[in-house]
mmCIF file of all heavy atoms, coordinates in Angstrom:
data_MODEL
# 
_entry.id   MODEL 
# 
loop_
_atom_site.group_PDB 
_atom_site.id 
_atom_site.type_symbol 
_atom_site.label_atom_id 
_atom_site.label_alt_id 
_atom_site.label_comp_id 
_atom_site.label_asym_id 
_atom_site.label_entity_id 
_atom_site.label_seq_id 
_atom_site.pdbx_PDB_ins_code 
_atom_site.Cartn_x 
_atom_site.Cartn_y 
_atom_site.Cartn_z 
_atom_site.occupancy 
_atom_site.B_iso_or_equiv 
_atom_site.pdbx_formal_charge 
_atom_site.auth_seq_id 
_atom_site.auth_comp_id 
_atom_site.auth_asym_id 
_atom_site.auth_atom_id 
_atom_site.pdbx_PDB_model_num 
ATOM 1   N N   . ALA A 1 1  ? 59.172 89.210  47.134 1.00 0.00 ? 1  ALA A N   1 
ATOM 2   C CA  . ALA A 1 1  ? 59.296 90.662  47.170 1.00 0.00 ? 1  ALA A CA  1 
ATOM 3   C C   . ALA A 1 1  ? 58.299 91.258  48.149 1.00 0.00 ? 1  ALA A C   1 
ATOM 4   O O   . ALA A 1 1  ? 57.140 90.846  48.201 1.00 0.00 ? 1  ALA A O   1 
ATOM 5   C CB  . ALA A 1 1  ? 59.098 91.244  45.779 1.00 0.00 ? 1  ALA A CB  1 
ATOM 6   N N   . GLY A 1 2  ? 58.762 92.234  48.916 1.00 0.00 ? 2  GLY A N   1 
ATOM 7   C CA  . GLY A 1 2  ? 57.942 92.853  49.930 1.00 0.00 ? 2  GLY A CA  1 
ATOM 8   C C   . GLY A 1 2  ? 58.046 92.205  51.293 1.00 0.00 ? 2  GLY A C   1 
ATOM 9   O O   . GLY A 1 2  ? 57.560 92.765  52.280 1.00 0.00 ? 2  GLY A O   1 
ATOM 10  N N   . GLY A 1 3  ? 58.686 91.060  51.357 1.00 0.00 ? 3  GLY A N   1 
ATOM 11  C CA  . GLY A 1 3  ? 58.831 90.346  52.609 1.00 0.00 ? 3  GLY A CA  1 
ATOM 12  C C   . GLY A 1 3  ? 59.986 90.850  53.444 1.00 0.00 ? 3  GLY A C   1 
ATOM 13  O O   . GLY A 1 3  ? 60.692 91.796  53.078 1.00 0.00 ? 3  GLY A O   1 
ATOM 14  N N   . SER A 1 4  ? 60.183 90.193  54.581 1.00 0.00 ? 4  SER A N   1 
ATOM 15  C CA  . SER A 1 4  ? 61.218 90.579  55.531 1.00 0.00 ? 4  SER A CA  1 
ATOM 16  C C   . SER A 1 4  ? 62.102 89.392  55.871 1.00 0.00 ? 4  SER A C   1 
ATOM 17  O O   . SER A 1 4  ? 61.693 88.242  55.771 1.00 0.00 ? 4  SER A O   1 
ATOM 18  C CB  . SER A 1 4  ? 60.596 91.134  56.813 1.00 0.00 ? 4  SER A CB  1 
ATOM 19  O OG  . SER A 1 4  ? 59.848 92.306  56.566 1.00 0.00 ? 4  SER A OG  1 
ATOM 20  N N   . LEU A 1 5  ? 63.306 89.714  56.303 1.00 0.00 ? 5  LEU A N   1 
ATOM 21  C CA  . LEU A 1 5  ? 64.268 88.703  56.690 1.00 0.00 ? 5  LEU A CA  1 
ATOM 22  C C   . LEU A 1 5  ? 65.218 89.312  57.706 1.00 0.00 ? 5  LEU A C   1 
ATOM 23  O O   . LEU A 1 5  ? 65.506 90.517  57.652 1.00 0.00 ? 5  LEU A O   1 
ATOM 24  C CB  . LEU A 1 5  ? 65.040 88.214  55.465 1.00 0.00 ? 5  LEU A CB  1 
ATOM 25  C CG  . LEU A 1 5  ? 65.708 86.842  55.495 1.00 0.00 ? 5  LEU A CG  1 
ATOM 26  C CD1 . LEU A 1 5  ? 64.672 85.741  55.707 1.00 0.00 ? 5  LEU A CD1 1 
ATOM 27  C CD2 . LEU A 1 5  ? 66.453 86.608  54.188 1.00 0.00 ? 5  LEU A CD2 1 
ATOM 28  N N   . ARG A 1 6  ? 65.697 88.497  58.623 1.00 0.00 ? 6  ARG A N   1 
ATOM 29  C CA  . ARG A 1 6  ? 66.634 88.965  59.631 1.00 0.00 ? 6  ARG A CA  1 
ATOM 30  C C   . ARG A 1 6  ? 67.890 88.107  59.584 1.00 0.00 ? 6  ARG A C   1 
ATOM 31  O O   . ARG A 1 6  ? 67.827 86.879  59.743 1.00 0.00 ? 6  ARG A O   1 
ATOM 32  C CB  . ARG A 1 6  ? 66.021 88.908  61.028 1.00 0.00 ? 6  ARG A CB  1 
ATOM 33  C CG  . ARG A 1 6  ? 66.908 89.515  62.121 1.00 0.00 ? 6  ARG A CG  1 
ATOM 34  C CD  . ARG A 1 6  ? 66.196 89.528  63.470 1.00 0.00 ? 6  ARG A CD  1 
ATOM 35  N NE  . ARG A 1 6  ? 67.008 90.129  64.527 1.00 0.00 ? 6  ARG A NE  1 
ATOM 36  C CZ  . ARG A 1 6  ? 67.052 91.424  64.798 1.00 0.00 ? 6  ARG A CZ  1 
ATOM 37  N NH1 . ARG A 1 6  ? 66.314 92.284  64.103 1.00 0.00 ? 6  ARG A NH1 1 
ATOM 38  N NH2 . ARG A 1 6  ? 67.819 91.877  65.780 1.00 0.00 ? 6  ARG A NH2 1 
ATOM 39  N N   . LEU A 1 7  ? 69.030 88.747  59.369 1.00 0.00 ? 7  LEU A N   1 
ATOM 40  C CA  . LEU A 1 7  ? 70.321 88.084  59.376 1.00 0.00 ? 7  LEU A CA  1 
ATOM 41  C C   . LEU A 1 7  ? 71.019 88.305  60.709 1.00 0.00 ? 7  LEU A C   1 
ATOM 42  O O   . LEU A 1 7  ? 70.900 89.374  61.306 1.00 0.00 ? 7  LEU A O   1 
ATOM 43  C CB  . LEU A 1 7  ? 71.213 88.609  58.248 1.00 0.00 ? 7  LEU A CB  1 
ATOM 44  C CG  . LEU A 1 7  ? 70.664 88.560  56.823 1.00 0.00 ? 7  LEU A CG  1 
ATOM 45  C CD1 . LEU A 1 7  ? 71.711 89.071  55.849 1.00 0.00 ? 7  LEU A CD1 1 
ATOM 46  C CD2 . LEU A 1 7  ? 70.226 87.151  56.455 1.00 0.00 ? 7  LEU A CD2 1 
ATOM 47  N N   . SER A 1 8  ? 71.755 87.298  61.146 1.00 0.00 ? 8  SER A N   1 
ATOM 48  C CA  . SER A 1 8  ? 72.506 87.401  62.384 1.00 0.00 ? 8  SER A CA  1 
ATOM 49  C C   . SER A 1 8  ? 73.932 86.938  62.159 1.00 0.00 ? 8  SER A C   1 
ATOM 50  O O   . SER A 1 8  ? 74.194 86.087  61.314 1.00 0.00 ? 8  SER A O   1 
ATOM 51  C CB  . SER A 1 8  ? 71.851 86.564  63.488 1.00 0.00 ? 8  SER A CB  1 
ATOM 52  O OG  . SER A 1 8  ? 70.561 87.035  63.792 1.00 0.00 ? 8  SER A OG  1 
ATOM 53  N N   . CYS A 1 9  ? 74.843 87.496  62.941 1.00 0.00 ? 9  CYS A N   1 
ATOM 54  C CA  . CYS A 1 9  ? 76.247 87.133  62.867 1.00 0.00 ? 9  CYS A CA  1 
ATOM 55  C C   . CYS A 1 9  ? 76.815 87.090  64.271 1.00 0.00 ? 9  CYS A C   1 
ATOM 56  O O   . CYS A 1 9  ? 76.621 88.028  65.050 1.00 0.00 ? 9  CYS A O   1 
ATOM 57  C CB  . CYS A 1 9  ? 77.023 88.133  62.006 1.00 0.00 ? 9  CYS A CB  1 
ATOM 58  S SG  . CYS A 1 9  ? 78.809 87.849  61.961 1.00 0.00 ? 9  CYS A SG  1 
ATOM 59  N N   . ALA A 1 10 ? 77.521 86.023  64.577 1.00 0.00 ? 10 ALA A N   1 
ATOM 60  C CA  . ALA A 1 10 ? 78.144 85.857  65.881 1.00 0.00 ? 10 ALA A CA  1 
ATOM 61  C C   . ALA A 1 10 ? 79.658 85.781  65.722 1.00 0.00 ? 10 ALA A C   1 
ATOM 62  O O   . ALA A 1 10 ? 80.163 85.032  64.884 1.00 0.00 ? 10 ALA A O   1 
ATOM 63  C CB  . ALA A 1 10 ? 77.619 84.603  66.569 1.00 0.00 ? 10 ALA A CB  1 
ATOM 64  N N   . ALA A 1 11 ? 80.367 86.550  66.531 1.00 0.00 ? 11 ALA A N   1 
ATOM 65  C CA  . ALA A 1 11 ? 81.821 86.545  66.540 1.00 0.00 ? 11 ALA A CA  1 
ATOM 66  C C   . ALA A 1 11 ? 82.319 85.733  67.722 1.00 0.00 ? 11 ALA A C   1 
ATOM 67  O O   . ALA A 1 11 ? 81.824 85.878  68.842 1.00 0.00 ? 11 ALA A O   1 
ATOM 68  C CB  . ALA A 1 11 ? 82.370 87.962  66.621 1.00 0.00 ? 11 ALA A CB  1 
ATOM 69  N N   . SER A 1 12 ? 83.302 84.900  67.474 1.00 0.00 ? 12 SER A N   1 
ATOM 70  C CA  . SER A 1 12 ? 83.876 84.085  68.533 1.00 0.00 ? 12 SER A CA  1 
ATOM 71  C C   . SER A 1 12 ? 85.392 84.219  68.528 1.00 0.00 ? 12 SER A C   1 
ATOM 72  O O   . SER A 1 12 ? 86.003 84.507  67.497 1.00 0.00 ? 12 SER A O   1 
ATOM 73  C CB  . SER A 1 12 ? 83.473 82.615  68.386 1.00 0.00 ? 12 SER A CB  1 
ATOM 74  O OG  . SER A 1 12 ? 83.955 82.073  67.168 1.00 0.00 ? 12 SER A OG  1 
ATOM 75  N N   . GLY A 1 13 ? 85.982 83.998  69.681 1.00 0.00 ? 13 GLY A N   1 
ATOM 76  C CA  . GLY A 1 13 ? 87.415 84.112  69.843 1.00 0.00 ? 13 GLY A CA  1 
ATOM 77  C C   . GLY A 1 13 ? 87.735 84.735  71.186 1.00 0.00 ? 13 GLY A C   1 
ATOM 78  O O   . GLY A 1 13 ? 86.839 85.027  71.985 1.00 0.00 ? 13 GLY A O   1 
ATOM 79  N N   . SER A 1 14 ? 89.010 84.953  71.438 1.00 0.00 ? 14 SER A N   1 
ATOM 80  C CA  . SER A 1 14 ? 89.451 85.507  72.709 1.00 0.00 ? 14 SER A CA  1 
ATOM 81  C C   . SER A 1 14 ? 90.433 86.643  72.491 1.00 0.00 ? 14 SER A C   1 
ATOM 82  O O   . SER A 1 14 ? 91.160 86.680  71.494 1.00 0.00 ? 14 SER A O   1 
ATOM 83  C CB  . SER A 1 14 ? 90.115 84.418  73.566 1.00 0.00 ? 14 SER A CB  1 
ATOM 84  O OG  . SER A 1 14 ? 89.213 83.375  73.863 1.00 0.00 ? 14 SER A OG  1 
ATOM 85  N N   . GLY A 1 15 ? 90.448 87.573  73.436 1.00 0.00 ? 15 GLY A N   1 
ATOM 86  C CA  . GLY A 1 15 ? 91.427 88.635  73.429 1.00 0.00 ? 15 GLY A CA  1 
ATOM 87  C C   . GLY A 1 15 ? 91.274 89.648  72.314 1.00 0.00 ? 15 GLY A C   1 
ATOM 88  O O   . GLY A 1 15 ? 92.277 90.105  71.753 1.00 0.00 ? 15 GLY A O   1 
ATOM 89  N N   . PHE A 1 16 ? 90.036 90.020  71.984 1.00 0.00 ? 16 PHE A N   1 
ATOM 90  C CA  . PHE A 1 16 ? 89.807 91.002  70.929 1.00 0.00 ? 16 PHE A CA  1 
ATOM 91  C C   . PHE A 1 16 ? 88.711 91.976  71.325 1.00 0.00 ? 16 PHE A C   1 
ATOM 92  O O   . PHE A 1 16 ? 87.864 91.667  72.170 1.00 0.00 ? 16 PHE A O   1 
ATOM 93  C CB  . PHE A 1 16 ? 89.452 90.316  69.609 1.00 0.00 ? 16 PHE A CB  1 
ATOM 94  C CG  . PHE A 1 16 ? 88.154 89.559  69.648 1.00 0.00 ? 16 PHE A CG  1 
ATOM 95  C CD1 . PHE A 1 16 ? 86.961 90.204  69.351 1.00 0.00 ? 16 PHE A CD1 1 
ATOM 96  C CD2 . PHE A 1 16 ? 88.119 88.218  69.966 1.00 0.00 ? 16 PHE A CD2 1 
ATOM 97  C CE1 . PHE A 1 16 ? 85.757 89.517  69.383 1.00 0.00 ? 16 PHE A CE1 1 
ATOM 98  C CE2 . PHE A 1 16 ? 86.921 87.523  69.999 1.00 0.00 ? 16 PHE A CE2 1 
ATOM 99  C CZ  . PHE A 1 16 ? 85.737 88.170  69.713 1.00 0.00 ? 16 PHE A CZ  1 
ATOM 100 N N   . THR A 1 17 ? 88.741 93.146  70.694 1.00 0.00 ? 17 THR A N   1 
ATOM 101 C CA  . THR A 1 17 ? 87.688 94.141  70.802 1.00 0.00 ? 17 THR A CA  1 
ATOM 102 C C   . THR A 1 17 ? 87.261 94.523  69.394 1.00 0.00 ? 17 THR A C   1 
ATOM 103 O O   . THR A 1 17 ? 88.087 94.945  68.587 1.00 0.00 ? 17 THR A O   1 
ATOM 104 C CB  . THR A 1 17 ? 88.159 95.385  71.561 1.00 0.00 ? 17 THR A CB  1 
ATOM 105 O OG1 . THR A 1 17 ? 88.555 95.014  72.887 1.00 0.00 ? 17 THR A OG1 1 
ATOM 106 C CG2 . THR A 1 17 ? 87.039 96.411  71.642 1.00 0.00 ? 17 THR A CG2 1 
ATOM 107 N N   . ILE A 1 18 ? 85.984 94.360  69.109 1.00 0.00 ? 18 ILE A N   1 
ATOM 108 C CA  . ILE A 1 18 ? 85.457 94.678  67.786 1.00 0.00 ? 18 ILE A CA  1 
ATOM 109 C C   . ILE A 1 18 ? 84.930 96.099  67.795 1.00 0.00 ? 18 ILE A C   1 
ATOM 110 O O   . ILE A 1 18 ? 83.943 96.397  68.469 1.00 0.00 ? 18 ILE A O   1 
ATOM 111 C CB  . ILE A 1 18 ? 84.356 93.690  67.376 1.00 0.00 ? 18 ILE A CB  1 
ATOM 112 C CG1 . ILE A 1 18 ? 84.901 92.256  67.365 1.00 0.00 ? 18 ILE A CG1 1 
ATOM 113 C CG2 . ILE A 1 18 ? 83.800 94.069  66.006 1.00 0.00 ? 18 ILE A CG2 1 
ATOM 114 C CD1 . ILE A 1 18 ? 83.866 91.205  67.029 1.00 0.00 ? 18 ILE A CD1 1 
ATOM 115 N N   . TYR A 1 19 ? 85.581 96.972  67.039 1.00 0.00 ? 19 TYR A N   1 
ATOM 116 C CA  . TYR A 1 19 ? 85.176 98.372  67.007 1.00 0.00 ? 19 TYR A CA  1 
ATOM 117 C C   . TYR A 1 19 ? 84.068 98.638  66.001 1.00 0.00 ? 19 TYR A C   1 
ATOM 118 O O   . TYR A 1 19 ? 83.218 99.487  66.224 1.00 0.00 ? 19 TYR A O   1 
ATOM 119 C CB  . TYR A 1 19 ? 86.382 99.258  66.725 1.00 0.00 ? 19 TYR A CB  1 
ATOM 120 C CG  . TYR A 1 19 ? 87.342 99.295  67.883 1.00 0.00 ? 19 TYR A CG  1 
ATOM 121 C CD1 . TYR A 1 19 ? 88.422 98.425  67.943 1.00 0.00 ? 19 TYR A CD1 1 
ATOM 122 C CD2 . TYR A 1 19 ? 87.140 100.180 68.931 1.00 0.00 ? 19 TYR A CD2 1 
ATOM 123 C CE1 . TYR A 1 19 ? 89.283 98.440  69.020 1.00 0.00 ? 19 TYR A CE1 1 
ATOM 124 C CE2 . TYR A 1 19 ? 88.001 100.201 70.010 1.00 0.00 ? 19 TYR A CE2 1 
ATOM 125 C CZ  . TYR A 1 19 ? 89.070 99.323  70.054 1.00 0.00 ? 19 TYR A CZ  1 
ATOM 126 O OH  . TYR A 1 19 ? 89.924 99.340  71.125 1.00 0.00 ? 19 TYR A OH  1 
ATOM 127 N N   . THR A 1 20 ? 84.084 97.929  64.898 1.00 0.00 ? 20 THR A N   1 
ATOM 128 C CA  . THR A 1 20 ? 83.051 98.084  63.883 1.00 0.00 ? 20 THR A CA  1 
ATOM 129 C C   . THR A 1 20 ? 82.588 96.714  63.413 1.00 0.00 ? 20 THR A C   1 
ATOM 130 O O   . THR A 1 20 ? 83.401 95.831  63.147 1.00 0.00 ? 20 THR A O   1 
ATOM 131 C CB  . THR A 1 20 ? 83.560 98.895  62.681 1.00 0.00 ? 20 THR A CB  1 
ATOM 132 O OG1 . THR A 1 20 ? 84.032 100.165 63.123 1.00 0.00 ? 20 THR A OG1 1 
ATOM 133 C CG2 . THR A 1 20 ? 82.444 99.096  61.660 1.00 0.00 ? 20 THR A CG2 1 
ATOM 134 N N   . MET A 1 21 ? 81.286 96.549  63.320 1.00 0.00 ? 21 MET A N   1 
ATOM 135 C CA  . MET A 1 21 ? 80.701 95.360  62.725 1.00 0.00 ? 21 MET A CA  1 
ATOM 136 C C   . MET A 1 21 ? 79.743 95.803  61.631 1.00 0.00 ? 21 MET A C   1 
ATOM 137 O O   . MET A 1 21 ? 79.249 96.933  61.651 1.00 0.00 ? 21 MET A O   1 
ATOM 138 C CB  . MET A 1 21 ? 79.952 94.512  63.751 1.00 0.00 ? 21 MET A CB  1 
ATOM 139 C CG  . MET A 1 21 ? 80.815 93.988  64.880 1.00 0.00 ? 21 MET A CG  1 
ATOM 140 S SD  . MET A 1 21 ? 79.955 92.771  65.929 1.00 0.00 ? 21 MET A SD  1 
ATOM 141 C CE  . MET A 1 21 ? 79.996 91.333  64.851 1.00 0.00 ? 21 MET A CE  1 
ATOM 142 N N   . GLY A 1 22 ? 79.485 94.916  60.703 1.00 0.00 ? 22 GLY A N   1 
ATOM 143 C CA  . GLY A 1 22 ? 78.571 95.313  59.652 1.00 0.00 ? 22 GLY A CA  1 
ATOM 144 C C   . GLY A 1 22 ? 78.284 94.210  58.664 1.00 0.00 ? 22 GLY A C   1 
ATOM 145 O O   . GLY A 1 22 ? 78.651 93.043  58.861 1.00 0.00 ? 22 GLY A O   1 
ATOM 146 N N   . TRP A 1 23 ? 77.603 94.617  57.619 1.00 0.00 ? 23 TRP A N   1 
ATOM 147 C CA  . TRP A 1 23 ? 77.207 93.716  56.554 1.00 0.00 ? 23 TRP A CA  1 
ATOM 148 C C   . TRP A 1 23 ? 77.555 94.311  55.205 1.00 0.00 ? 23 TRP A C   1 
ATOM 149 O O   . TRP A 1 23 ? 77.329 95.501  54.954 1.00 0.00 ? 23 TRP A O   1 
ATOM 150 C CB  . TRP A 1 23 ? 75.695 93.447  56.608 1.00 0.00 ? 23 TRP A CB  1 
ATOM 151 C CG  . TRP A 1 23 ? 75.266 92.708  57.828 1.00 0.00 ? 23 TRP A CG  1 
ATOM 152 C CD1 . TRP A 1 23 ? 74.871 93.241  59.017 1.00 0.00 ? 23 TRP A CD1 1 
ATOM 153 C CD2 . TRP A 1 23 ? 75.191 91.293  57.981 1.00 0.00 ? 23 TRP A CD2 1 
ATOM 154 N NE1 . TRP A 1 23 ? 74.553 92.241  59.905 1.00 0.00 ? 23 TRP A NE1 1 
ATOM 155 C CE2 . TRP A 1 23 ? 74.739 91.039  59.299 1.00 0.00 ? 23 TRP A CE2 1 
ATOM 156 C CE3 . TRP A 1 23 ? 75.462 90.215  57.140 1.00 0.00 ? 23 TRP A CE3 1 
ATOM 157 C CZ2 . TRP A 1 23 ? 74.559 89.740  59.786 1.00 0.00 ? 23 TRP A CZ2 1 
ATOM 158 C CZ3 . TRP A 1 23 ? 75.278 88.927  57.627 1.00 0.00 ? 23 TRP A CZ3 1 
ATOM 159 C CH2 . TRP A 1 23 ? 74.828 88.710  58.931 1.00 0.00 ? 23 TRP A CH2 1 
ATOM 160 N N   . TYR A 1 24 ? 78.109 93.496  54.351 1.00 0.00 ? 24 TYR A N   1 
ATOM 161 C CA  . TYR A 1 24 ? 78.343 93.815  52.961 1.00 0.00 ? 24 TYR A CA  1 
ATOM 162 C C   . TYR A 1 24 ? 77.670 92.754  52.111 1.00 0.00 ? 24 TYR A C   1 
ATOM 163 O O   . TYR A 1 24 ? 77.382 91.657  52.590 1.00 0.00 ? 24 TYR A O   1 
ATOM 164 C CB  . TYR A 1 24 ? 79.840 93.864  52.653 1.00 0.00 ? 24 TYR A CB  1 
ATOM 165 C CG  . TYR A 1 24 ? 80.553 95.055  53.257 1.00 0.00 ? 24 TYR A CG  1 
ATOM 166 C CD1 . TYR A 1 24 ? 80.798 95.127  54.623 1.00 0.00 ? 24 TYR A CD1 1 
ATOM 167 C CD2 . TYR A 1 24 ? 80.984 96.109  52.457 1.00 0.00 ? 24 TYR A CD2 1 
ATOM 168 C CE1 . TYR A 1 24 ? 81.445 96.213  55.178 1.00 0.00 ? 24 TYR A CE1 1 
ATOM 169 C CE2 . TYR A 1 24 ? 81.637 97.205  53.007 1.00 0.00 ? 24 TYR A CE2 1 
ATOM 170 C CZ  . TYR A 1 24 ? 81.861 97.249  54.365 1.00 0.00 ? 24 TYR A CZ  1 
ATOM 171 O OH  . TYR A 1 24 ? 82.511 98.335  54.909 1.00 0.00 ? 24 TYR A OH  1 
ATOM 172 N N   . ARG A 1 25 ? 77.420 93.088  50.860 1.00 0.00 ? 25 ARG A N   1 
ATOM 173 C CA  . ARG A 1 25 ? 76.816 92.109  49.971 1.00 0.00 ? 25 ARG A CA  1 
ATOM 174 C C   . ARG A 1 25 ? 77.521 92.118  48.625 1.00 0.00 ? 25 ARG A C   1 
ATOM 175 O O   . ARG A 1 25 ? 78.145 93.102  48.234 1.00 0.00 ? 25 ARG A O   1 
ATOM 176 C CB  . ARG A 1 25 ? 75.313 92.358  49.791 1.00 0.00 ? 25 ARG A CB  1 
ATOM 177 C CG  . ARG A 1 25 ? 74.955 93.655  49.090 1.00 0.00 ? 25 ARG A CG  1 
ATOM 178 C CD  . ARG A 1 25 ? 73.445 93.862  49.123 1.00 0.00 ? 25 ARG A CD  1 
ATOM 179 N NE  . ARG A 1 25 ? 73.042 95.079  48.428 1.00 0.00 ? 25 ARG A NE  1 
ATOM 180 C CZ  . ARG A 1 25 ? 71.802 95.534  48.399 1.00 0.00 ? 25 ARG A CZ  1 
ATOM 181 N NH1 . ARG A 1 25 ? 70.819 94.871  49.020 1.00 0.00 ? 25 ARG A NH1 1 
ATOM 182 N NH2 . ARG A 1 25 ? 71.519 96.654  47.736 1.00 0.00 ? 25 ARG A NH2 1 
ATOM 183 N N   . GLN A 1 26 ? 77.416 91.007  47.936 1.00 0.00 ? 26 GLN A N   1 
ATOM 184 C CA  . GLN A 1 26 ? 78.089 90.852  46.662 1.00 0.00 ? 26 GLN A CA  1 
ATOM 185 C C   . GLN A 1 26 ? 77.137 90.253  45.641 1.00 0.00 ? 26 GLN A C   1 
ATOM 186 O O   . GLN A 1 26 ? 76.575 89.179  45.862 1.00 0.00 ? 26 GLN A O   1 
ATOM 187 C CB  . GLN A 1 26 ? 79.329 89.968  46.813 1.00 0.00 ? 26 GLN A CB  1 
ATOM 188 C CG  . GLN A 1 26 ? 80.202 89.915  45.586 1.00 0.00 ? 26 GLN A CG  1 
ATOM 189 C CD  . GLN A 1 26 ? 81.550 89.277  45.878 1.00 0.00 ? 26 GLN A CD  1 
ATOM 190 O OE1 . GLN A 1 26 ? 81.703 88.561  46.858 1.00 0.00 ? 26 GLN A OE1 1 
ATOM 191 N NE2 . GLN A 1 26 ? 82.527 89.550  45.036 1.00 0.00 ? 26 GLN A NE2 1 
ATOM 192 N N   . PHE A 1 27 ? 76.942 90.980  44.543 1.00 0.00 ? 27 PHE A N   1 
ATOM 193 C CA  . PHE A 1 27 ? 76.160 90.486  43.427 1.00 0.00 ? 27 PHE A CA  1 
ATOM 194 C C   . PHE A 1 27 ? 77.075 89.730  42.476 1.00 0.00 ? 27 PHE A C   1 
ATOM 195 O O   . PHE A 1 27 ? 78.284 89.985  42.425 1.00 0.00 ? 27 PHE A O   1 
ATOM 196 C CB  . PHE A 1 27 ? 75.485 91.643  42.688 1.00 0.00 ? 27 PHE A CB  1 
ATOM 197 C CG  . PHE A 1 27 ? 74.687 92.553  43.580 1.00 0.00 ? 27 PHE A CG  1 
ATOM 198 C CD1 . PHE A 1 27 ? 75.132 93.839  43.851 1.00 0.00 ? 27 PHE A CD1 1 
ATOM 199 C CD2 . PHE A 1 27 ? 73.497 92.133  44.143 1.00 0.00 ? 27 PHE A CD2 1 
ATOM 200 C CE1 . PHE A 1 27 ? 74.401 94.684  44.670 1.00 0.00 ? 27 PHE A CE1 1 
ATOM 201 C CE2 . PHE A 1 27 ? 72.758 92.970  44.964 1.00 0.00 ? 27 PHE A CE2 1 
ATOM 202 C CZ  . PHE A 1 27 ? 73.215 94.246  45.226 1.00 0.00 ? 27 PHE A CZ  1 
# 
């Protein structure tokens, strides 16, 4: 608790445009 963390996400593929990216979480 009180610490930090950095998450990363990479998208791969061809012929697309990503209009929105984001993060969701599930308990």
